[in-house]
């Protein structure tokens, strides 16, 4: 019996490893395609480095905010506080 369980465990490990490798490869391909597309857009617009970085920060903020809002909108989500944040500047 022990042998059969060991064999099942090894098969499961191999499947998980294969799945992780395929997932990493897909992520790399997507990242490469997105990178190349963004380079094409930047070259077309001839944007200076500061504008490019500003736009990338905007995209980062929008993406994070969208995901945060989606998490907090879920039923039963833990709210950190219902209180409005205190302004830092007067």
C-alpha atoms as a PDB file:
ATOM      1  CA  UNK A   1       0.000   0.000   0.000  1.00  0.00           C
ATOM      2  CA  UNK A   2       2.797   2.377   0.907  1.00  0.00           C
ATOM      3  CA  UNK A   3       4.344   1.938  -2.542  1.00  0.00           C
ATOM      4  CA  UNK A   4       1.104   2.860  -4.276  1.00  0.00           C
ATOM      5  CA  UNK A   5       0.765   6.029  -2.167  1.00  0.00           C
ATOM      6  CA  UNK A   6       4.377   6.982  -2.917  1.00  0.00           C
ATOM      7  CA  UNK A   7       3.728   6.493  -6.619  1.00  0.00           C
ATOM      8  CA  UNK A   8       0.586   8.669  -6.470  1.00  0.00           C
ATOM      9  CA  UNK A   9       2.514  11.331  -4.580  1.00  0.00           C
ATOM     10  CA  UNK A  10       5.270  11.366  -7.192  1.00  0.00           C
ATOM     11  CA  UNK A  11       2.761  11.607 -10.024  1.00  0.00           C
ATOM     12  CA  UNK A  12       0.996  14.486  -8.287  1.00  0.00           C
ATOM     13  CA  UNK A  13       4.334  16.258  -7.737  1.00  0.00           C
ATOM     14  CA  UNK A  14       5.278  15.803 -11.389  1.00  0.00           C
ATOM     15  CA  UNK A  15       1.914  17.173 -12.530  1.00  0.00           C
ATOM     16  CA  UNK A  16       2.220  20.190 -10.245  1.00  0.00           C
ATOM     17  CA  UNK A  17       5.785  20.833 -11.413  1.00  0.00           C
ATOM     18  CA  UNK A  18       4.744  20.572 -15.056  1.00  0.00           C
ATOM     19  CA  UNK A  19       1.781  22.892 -14.477  1.00  0.00           C
ATOM     20  CA  UNK A  20       4.023  25.462 -12.743  1.00  0.00           C
ATOM     21  CA  UNK A  21       6.551  25.334 -15.585  1.00  0.00           C
ATOM     22  CA  UNK A  22       3.825  25.823 -18.208  1.00  0.00           C
ATOM     23  CA  UNK A  23       2.325  28.685 -16.178  1.00  0.00           C
ATOM     24  CA  UNK A  24       5.720  30.413 -15.899  1.00  0.00           C
ATOM     25  CA  UNK A  25       6.299  30.010 -19.636  1.00  0.00           C
ATOM     26  CA  UNK A  26       2.894  31.550 -20.428  1.00  0.00           C
ATOM     27  CA  UNK A  27       3.610  34.467 -18.086  1.00  0.00           C
ATOM     28  CA  UNK A  28       6.968  35.040 -19.787  1.00  0.00           C
ATOM     29  CA  UNK A  29       5.336  35.008 -23.237  1.00  0.00           C
ATOM     30  CA  UNK A  30       2.623  37.445 -22.147  1.00  0.00           C
ATOM     31  CA  UNK A  31       5.195  39.751 -20.564  1.00  0.00           C
ATOM     32  CA  UNK A  32       7.320  39.688 -23.705  1.00  0.00           C
ATOM     33  CA  UNK A  33       4.333  40.467 -25.952  1.00  0.00           C
ATOM     34  CA  UNK A  34       3.168  43.309 -23.705  1.00  0.00           C
ATOM     35  CA  UNK A  35       6.696  44.699 -23.512  1.00  0.00           C
ATOM     36  CA  UNK A  36       7.050  44.676 -27.301  1.00  0.00           C
ATOM     37  CA  UNK A  37       3.631  46.303 -27.774  1.00  0.00           C
ATOM     38  CA  UNK A  38       4.456  49.045 -25.273  1.00  0.00           C
ATOM     39  CA  UNK A  39       7.806  49.688 -26.942  1.00  0.00           C
ATOM     40  CA  UNK A  40       6.004  50.095 -30.283  1.00  0.00           C
ATOM     41  CA  UNK A  41       3.562  52.604 -28.765  1.00  0.00           C
ATOM     42  CA  UNK A  42       6.343  54.565 -27.061  1.00  0.00           C
ATOM     43  CA  UNK A  43       8.375  54.719 -30.257  1.00  0.00           C
ATOM     44  CA  UNK A  44       5.342  55.899 -32.213  1.00  0.00           C
ATOM     45  CA  UNK A  45       4.581  58.681 -29.732  1.00  0.00           C
ATOM     46  CA  UNK A  46       8.222  59.636 -29.209  1.00  0.00           C
ATOM     47  CA  UNK A  47       7.442  60.389 -25.571  1.00  0.00           C
ATOM     48  CA  UNK A  48      10.228  61.625 -23.337  1.00  0.00           C
ATOM     49  CA  UNK A  49      11.328  59.481 -20.418  1.00  0.00           C
ATOM     50  CA  UNK A  50       9.513  61.572 -17.772  1.00  0.00           C
ATOM     51  CA  UNK A  51       6.178  61.394 -19.563  1.00  0.00           C
ATOM     52  CA  UNK A  52       6.647  57.671 -20.089  1.00  0.00           C
ATOM     53  CA  UNK A  53       7.374  57.079 -16.398  1.00  0.00           C
ATOM     54  CA  UNK A  54       4.436  59.278 -15.393  1.00  0.00           C
ATOM     55  CA  UNK A  55       2.045  57.295 -17.591  1.00  0.00           C
ATOM     56  CA  UNK A  56       3.419  53.987 -16.295  1.00  0.00           C
ATOM     57  CA  UNK A  57       2.837  55.170 -12.705  1.00  0.00           C
ATOM     58  CA  UNK A  58      -0.728  56.145 -13.646  1.00  0.00           C
ATOM     59  CA  UNK A  59      -1.316  52.684 -15.105  1.00  0.00           C
ATOM     60  CA  UNK A  60       0.158  51.067 -12.012  1.00  0.00           C
ATOM     61  CA  UNK A  61      -2.101  53.126  -9.741  1.00  0.00           C
ATOM     62  CA  UNK A  62      -5.216  52.418 -11.820  1.00  0.00           C
ATOM     63  CA  UNK A  63      -4.485  48.691 -11.908  1.00  0.00           C
ATOM     64  CA  UNK A  64      -3.875  48.461  -8.165  1.00  0.00           C
ATOM     65  CA  UNK A  65      -6.964  50.554  -7.400  1.00  0.00           C
ATOM     66  CA  UNK A  66      -9.147  48.393  -9.637  1.00  0.00           C
ATOM     67  CA  UNK A  67      -7.968  45.225  -7.897  1.00  0.00           C
ATOM     68  CA  UNK A  68      -8.298  46.790  -4.442  1.00  0.00           C
ATOM     69  CA  UNK A  69     -11.842  47.975  -5.208  1.00  0.00           C
ATOM     70  CA  UNK A  70     -12.755  44.516  -6.496  1.00  0.00           C
ATOM     71  CA  UNK A  71     -11.464  42.887  -3.318  1.00  0.00           C
ATOM     72  CA  UNK A  72     -13.227  45.353  -1.031  1.00  0.00           C
ATOM     73  CA  UNK A  73     -16.494  45.117  -2.981  1.00  0.00           C
ATOM     74  CA  UNK A  74     -16.820  41.397  -2.278  1.00  0.00           C
ATOM     75  CA  UNK A  75     -19.564  40.388   0.110  1.00  0.00           C
ATOM     76  CA  UNK A  76     -18.167  39.893   3.590  1.00  0.00           C
ATOM     77  CA  UNK A  77     -14.858  41.581   2.832  1.00  0.00           C
ATOM     78  CA  UNK A  78     -12.971  42.829   5.845  1.00  0.00           C
ATOM     79  CA  UNK A  79     -13.072  46.606   6.012  1.00  0.00           C
ATOM     80  CA  UNK A  80     -10.021  48.178   7.592  1.00  0.00           C
ATOM     81  CA  UNK A  81     -12.027  51.180   8.740  1.00  0.00           C
ATOM     82  CA  UNK A  82     -15.303  52.927   8.018  1.00  0.00           C
ATOM     83  CA  UNK A  83     -13.770  56.199   9.179  1.00  0.00           C
ATOM     84  CA  UNK A  84     -12.604  58.715   6.597  1.00  0.00           C
ATOM     85  CA  UNK A  85      -8.828  59.221   6.559  1.00  0.00           C
ATOM     86  CA  UNK A  86      -7.506  62.276   8.386  1.00  0.00           C
ATOM     87  CA  UNK A  87      -6.043  64.827   5.983  1.00  0.00           C
ATOM     88  CA  UNK A  88      -2.303  65.306   6.402  1.00  0.00           C
ATOM     89  CA  UNK A  89      -2.289  68.921   5.264  1.00  0.00           C
ATOM     90  CA  UNK A  90      -4.580  71.550   6.691  1.00  0.00           C
END
